[in-house]
C-alpha atoms as a PDB file:
ATOM      1  CA  MET A   1     141.874 147.745 113.774  1.00  0.00           C
ATOM      2  CA  SER A   2     138.771 148.325 115.896  1.00  0.00           C
ATOM      3  CA  ASN A   3     138.488 149.194 119.542  1.00  0.00           C
ATOM      4  CA  ALA A   4     136.313 150.118 122.305  1.00  0.00           C
ATOM      5  CA  VAL A   5     136.580 151.510 125.772  1.00  0.00           C
ATOM      6  CA  VAL A   6     135.065 150.014 129.086  1.00  0.00           C
ATOM      7  CA  LYS A   7     134.911 151.690 132.330  1.00  0.00           C
ATOM      8  CA  ALA A   8     135.504 149.708 135.591  1.00  0.00           C
ATOM      9  CA  THR A   9     132.685 150.207 138.081  1.00  0.00           C
ATOM     10  CA  GLN A  10     132.875 150.410 141.877  1.00  0.00           C
ATOM     11  CA  LYS A  11     130.443 147.911 143.302  1.00  0.00           C
ATOM     12  CA  SER A  12     128.834 148.137 146.587  1.00  0.00           C
ATOM     13  CA  SER A  13     129.213 145.133 148.762  1.00  0.00           C
ATOM     14  CA  GLY A  14     129.447 144.277 152.347  1.00  0.00           C
ATOM     15  CA  LEU A  15     129.672 146.949 154.852  1.00  0.00           C
ATOM     16  CA  SER A  16     130.030 149.627 151.853  1.00  0.00           C
ATOM     17  CA  GLY A  17     126.799 148.421 150.357  1.00  0.00           C
ATOM     18  CA  LEU A  18     125.097 149.064 153.754  1.00  0.00           C
ATOM     19  CA  LEU A  19     126.295 152.349 153.943  1.00  0.00           C
ATOM     20  CA  GLY A  20     124.458 153.381 150.711  1.00  0.00           C
ATOM     21  CA  GLY A  21     126.075 156.530 149.023  1.00  0.00           C
ATOM     22  CA  PHE A  22     129.313 156.560 150.800  1.00  0.00           C
ATOM     23  CA  GLY A  23     131.341 154.806 148.114  1.00  0.00           C
ATOM     24  CA  GLU A  24     133.326 151.646 148.252  1.00  0.00           C
ATOM     25  CA  ILE A  25     135.361 151.251 151.350  1.00  0.00           C
ATOM     26  CA  GLY A  26     138.462 149.228 150.332  1.00  0.00           C
ATOM     27  CA  SER A  27     140.450 146.843 152.557  1.00  0.00           C
ATOM     28  CA  PHE A  28     143.414 147.811 154.518  1.00  0.00           C
ATOM     29  CA  GLU A  29     145.401 145.753 151.860  1.00  0.00           C
ATOM     30  CA  ASP A  30     143.975 148.034 148.999  1.00  0.00           C
ATOM     31  CA  ILE A  31     145.004 151.128 151.044  1.00  0.00           C
ATOM     32  CA  ALA A  32     148.444 149.827 151.901  1.00  0.00           C
ATOM     33  CA  SER A  33     149.350 148.793 148.283  1.00  0.00           C
ATOM     34  CA  GLY A  34     147.564 151.702 146.744  1.00  0.00           C
ATOM     35  CA  THR A  35     145.219 149.818 144.868  1.00  0.00           C
ATOM     36  CA  THR A  36     141.444 150.184 144.539  1.00  0.00           C
ATOM     37  CA  GLY A  37     138.546 148.188 143.835  1.00  0.00           C
ATOM     38  CA  SER A  38     138.596 149.699 140.243  1.00  0.00           C
ATOM     39  CA  SER A  39     142.026 148.685 139.614  1.00  0.00           C
ATOM     40  CA  LYS A  40     141.398 145.124 140.816  1.00  0.00           C
ATOM     41  CA  GLU A  41     138.454 145.053 138.503  1.00  0.00           C
ATOM     42  CA  LEU A  42     140.577 146.253 135.586  1.00  0.00           C
ATOM     43  CA  ALA A  43     143.175 143.478 136.175  1.00  0.00           C
ATOM     44  CA  LEU A  44     140.187 140.979 136.348  1.00  0.00           C
ATOM     45  CA  TYR A  45     138.967 142.288 132.967  1.00  0.00           C
ATOM     46  CA  GLN A  46     142.610 141.812 131.590  1.00  0.00           C
ATOM     47  CA  GLU A  47     142.804 138.057 132.954  1.00  0.00           C
ATOM     48  CA  ILE A  48     139.392 137.098 131.440  1.00  0.00           C
ATOM     49  CA  LEU A  49     140.430 138.675 127.969  1.00  0.00           C
ATOM     50  CA  PHE A  50     143.689 136.889 127.764  1.00  0.00           C
ATOM     51  CA  SER A  51     142.132 133.744 129.125  1.00  0.00           C
ATOM     52  CA  ARG A  52     142.575 130.333 127.064  1.00  0.00           C
ATOM     53  CA  ARG A  53     138.722 130.157 127.309  1.00  0.00           C
ATOM     54  CA  LEU A  54     137.908 133.388 125.432  1.00  0.00           C
ATOM     55  CA  ALA A  55     140.800 133.072 122.971  1.00  0.00           C
ATOM     56  CA  VAL A  56     139.327 129.562 122.006  1.00  0.00           C
ATOM     57  CA  GLU A  57     135.963 130.830 121.934  1.00  0.00           C
ATOM     58  CA  THR A  58     136.688 133.662 119.805  1.00  0.00           C
ATOM     59  CA  ILE A  59     139.014 131.733 117.266  1.00  0.00           C
ATOM     60  CA  THR A  60     136.365 129.088 116.934  1.00  0.00           C
ATOM     61  CA  ARG A  61     133.529 131.805 116.434  1.00  0.00           C
ATOM     62  CA  PHE A  62     135.254 133.678 113.877  1.00  0.00           C
ATOM     63  CA  LYS A  63     137.023 130.708 112.024  1.00  0.00           C
ATOM     64  CA  LEU A  64     140.234 132.545 112.566  1.00  0.00           C
ATOM     65  CA  ASN A  65     142.406 129.349 112.260  1.00  0.00           C
ATOM     66  CA  GLU A  66     141.080 128.633 108.926  1.00  0.00           C
ATOM     67  CA  GLU A  67     142.609 131.596 107.945  1.00  0.00           C
ATOM     68  CA  TRP A  68     145.849 131.272 109.891  1.00  0.00           C
ATOM     69  CA  GLU A  69     146.274 127.502 109.213  1.00  0.00           C
ATOM     70  CA  TYR A  70     148.143 126.592 112.206  1.00  0.00           C
ATOM     71  CA  ASN A  71     148.876 122.947 112.762  1.00  0.00           C
ATOM     72  CA  TYR A  72     148.265 123.248 116.567  1.00  0.00           C
ATOM     73  CA  PHE A  73     145.383 125.086 118.081  1.00  0.00           C
ATOM     74  CA  ASP A  74     147.900 126.417 120.892  1.00  0.00           C
ATOM     75  CA  ASP A  75     149.685 128.329 118.050  1.00  0.00           C
ATOM     76  CA  ALA A  76     146.426 129.886 117.135  1.00  0.00           C
ATOM     77  CA  ILE A  77     145.858 130.753 120.628  1.00  0.00           C
ATOM     78  CA  ASN A  78     149.319 132.225 121.065  1.00  0.00           C
ATOM     79  CA  ASN A  79     148.929 134.187 117.897  1.00  0.00           C
ATOM     80  CA  PHE A  80     145.242 135.665 118.668  1.00  0.00           C
ATOM     81  CA  GLN A  81     146.802 136.807 122.172  1.00  0.00           C
ATOM     82  CA  LYS A  82     150.034 138.538 120.842  1.00  0.00           C
ATOM     83  CA  ASN A  83     148.876 139.675 117.588  1.00  0.00           C
ATOM     84  CA  THR A  84     145.089 140.264 117.313  1.00  0.00           C
ATOM     85  CA  LEU A  85     143.965 141.164 120.789  1.00  0.00           C
ATOM     86  CA  LEU A  86     145.087 144.801 121.981  1.00  0.00           C
ATOM     87  CA  VAL A  87     144.353 145.512 125.702  1.00  0.00           C
ATOM     88  CA  SER A  88     145.430 148.662 127.737  1.00  0.00           C
ATOM     89  CA  SER A  89     144.208 149.934 130.944  1.00  0.00           C
ATOM     90  CA  ASN A  90     144.180 153.614 132.222  1.00  0.00           C
ATOM     91  CA  LYS A  91     144.181 153.237 135.998  1.00  0.00           C
ATOM     92  CA  GLN A  92     143.908 157.100 136.260  1.00  0.00           C
ATOM     93  CA  SER A  93     140.271 156.990 134.688  1.00  0.00           C
ATOM     94  CA  ASN A  94     139.447 153.574 135.390  1.00  0.00           C
ATOM     95  CA  THR A  95     139.081 152.500 131.846  1.00  0.00           C
ATOM     96  CA  MET A  96     140.234 149.814 129.542  1.00  0.00           C
ATOM     97  CA  SER A  97     140.990 150.105 126.027  1.00  0.00           C
ATOM     98  CA  ILE A  98     139.962 146.851 124.139  1.00  0.00           C
ATOM     99  CA  GLY A  99     141.027 146.544 120.401  1.00  0.00           C
ATOM    100  CA  ALA A 100     141.453 143.802 117.709  1.00  0.00           C
ATOM    101  CA  TYR A 101     143.696 143.792 114.725  1.00  0.00           C
ATOM    102  CA  ASP A 102     142.363 141.995 111.616  1.00  0.00           C
ATOM    103  CA  GLU A 103     142.681 142.632 107.831  1.00  0.00           C
ATOM    104  CA  ASN A 104     138.819 143.089 107.748  1.00  0.00           C
ATOM    105  CA  PRO A 105     137.524 146.109 109.468  1.00  0.00           C
ATOM    106  CA  ALA A 106     134.016 144.776 109.912  1.00  0.00           C
ATOM    107  CA  ARG A 107     135.365 141.598 111.332  1.00  0.00           C
ATOM    108  CA  ALA A 108     137.683 143.384 113.797  1.00  0.00           C
ATOM    109  CA  LYS A 109     134.682 145.254 115.012  1.00  0.00           C
ATOM    110  CA  GLU A 110     132.531 142.206 115.542  1.00  0.00           C
ATOM    111  CA  ILE A 111     135.476 140.641 117.482  1.00  0.00           C
ATOM    112  CA  VAL A 112     135.649 143.530 119.719  1.00  0.00           C
ATOM    113  CA  ASP A 113     131.801 143.376 120.207  1.00  0.00           C
ATOM    114  CA  PHE A 114     132.115 139.789 120.969  1.00  0.00           C
ATOM    115  CA  LEU A 115     135.010 140.170 123.517  1.00  0.00           C
ATOM    116  CA  ILE A 116     133.005 142.890 125.277  1.00  0.00           C
ATOM    117  CA  GLU A 117     129.958 140.659 125.361  1.00  0.00           C
ATOM    118  CA  ARG A 118     131.723 137.741 126.624  1.00  0.00           C
ATOM    119  CA  LEU A 119     133.925 139.640 129.188  1.00  0.00           C
ATOM    120  CA  ASN A 120     130.378 140.886 130.770  1.00  0.00           C
ATOM    121  CA  GLU A 121     128.930 137.402 130.556  1.00  0.00           C
ATOM    122  CA  ILE A 122     132.029 135.658 132.208  1.00  0.00           C
ATOM    123  CA  ASN A 123     132.256 138.390 134.764  1.00  0.00           C
ATOM    124  CA  VAL A 124     128.891 138.075 135.869  1.00  0.00           C
ATOM    125  CA  GLU A 125     129.391 134.209 135.994  1.00  0.00           C
ATOM    126  CA  LEU A 126     132.467 134.783 138.369  1.00  0.00           C
ATOM    127  CA  ASN A 127     130.986 137.247 140.711  1.00  0.00           C
ATOM    128  CA  ILE A 128     127.788 134.624 140.992  1.00  0.00           C
ATOM    129  CA  LYS A 129     130.299 131.838 141.827  1.00  0.00           C
ATOM    130  CA  ASN A 130     132.309 134.029 144.378  1.00  0.00           C
ATOM    131  CA  ALA A 131     128.814 135.100 145.896  1.00  0.00           C
ATOM    132  CA  ARG A 132     127.932 131.403 146.310  1.00  0.00           C
ATOM    133  CA  ASN A 133     131.363 130.675 147.942  1.00  0.00           C
END
């Protein structure tokens, strides 16, 4: 198994961005529900990591189904999400641990590195789409 830890960042946008160093001002809903921008960001990261899109990209890139030999690609995706990918978040420290189980430790590390790289790229892509809307 290989794993890495990523930290959620607090982004300055809108009014909080204009205020400079005063930090992120959450919405009333955030305050009422006890959530913060960082915990929402961790939830988004988790959604990206468990997305079908990223599972397909990872299985294809590392040719995992050639080894697993599933007849249906959906079974390979299910196996990847349940048995290969390990994600846990710590809301206190605003961090997320991303791990991958594989018989080959070098490939497990490559999978984790790929997941983090794609997580960053997809997150940026989503932020750009949200900014345009």
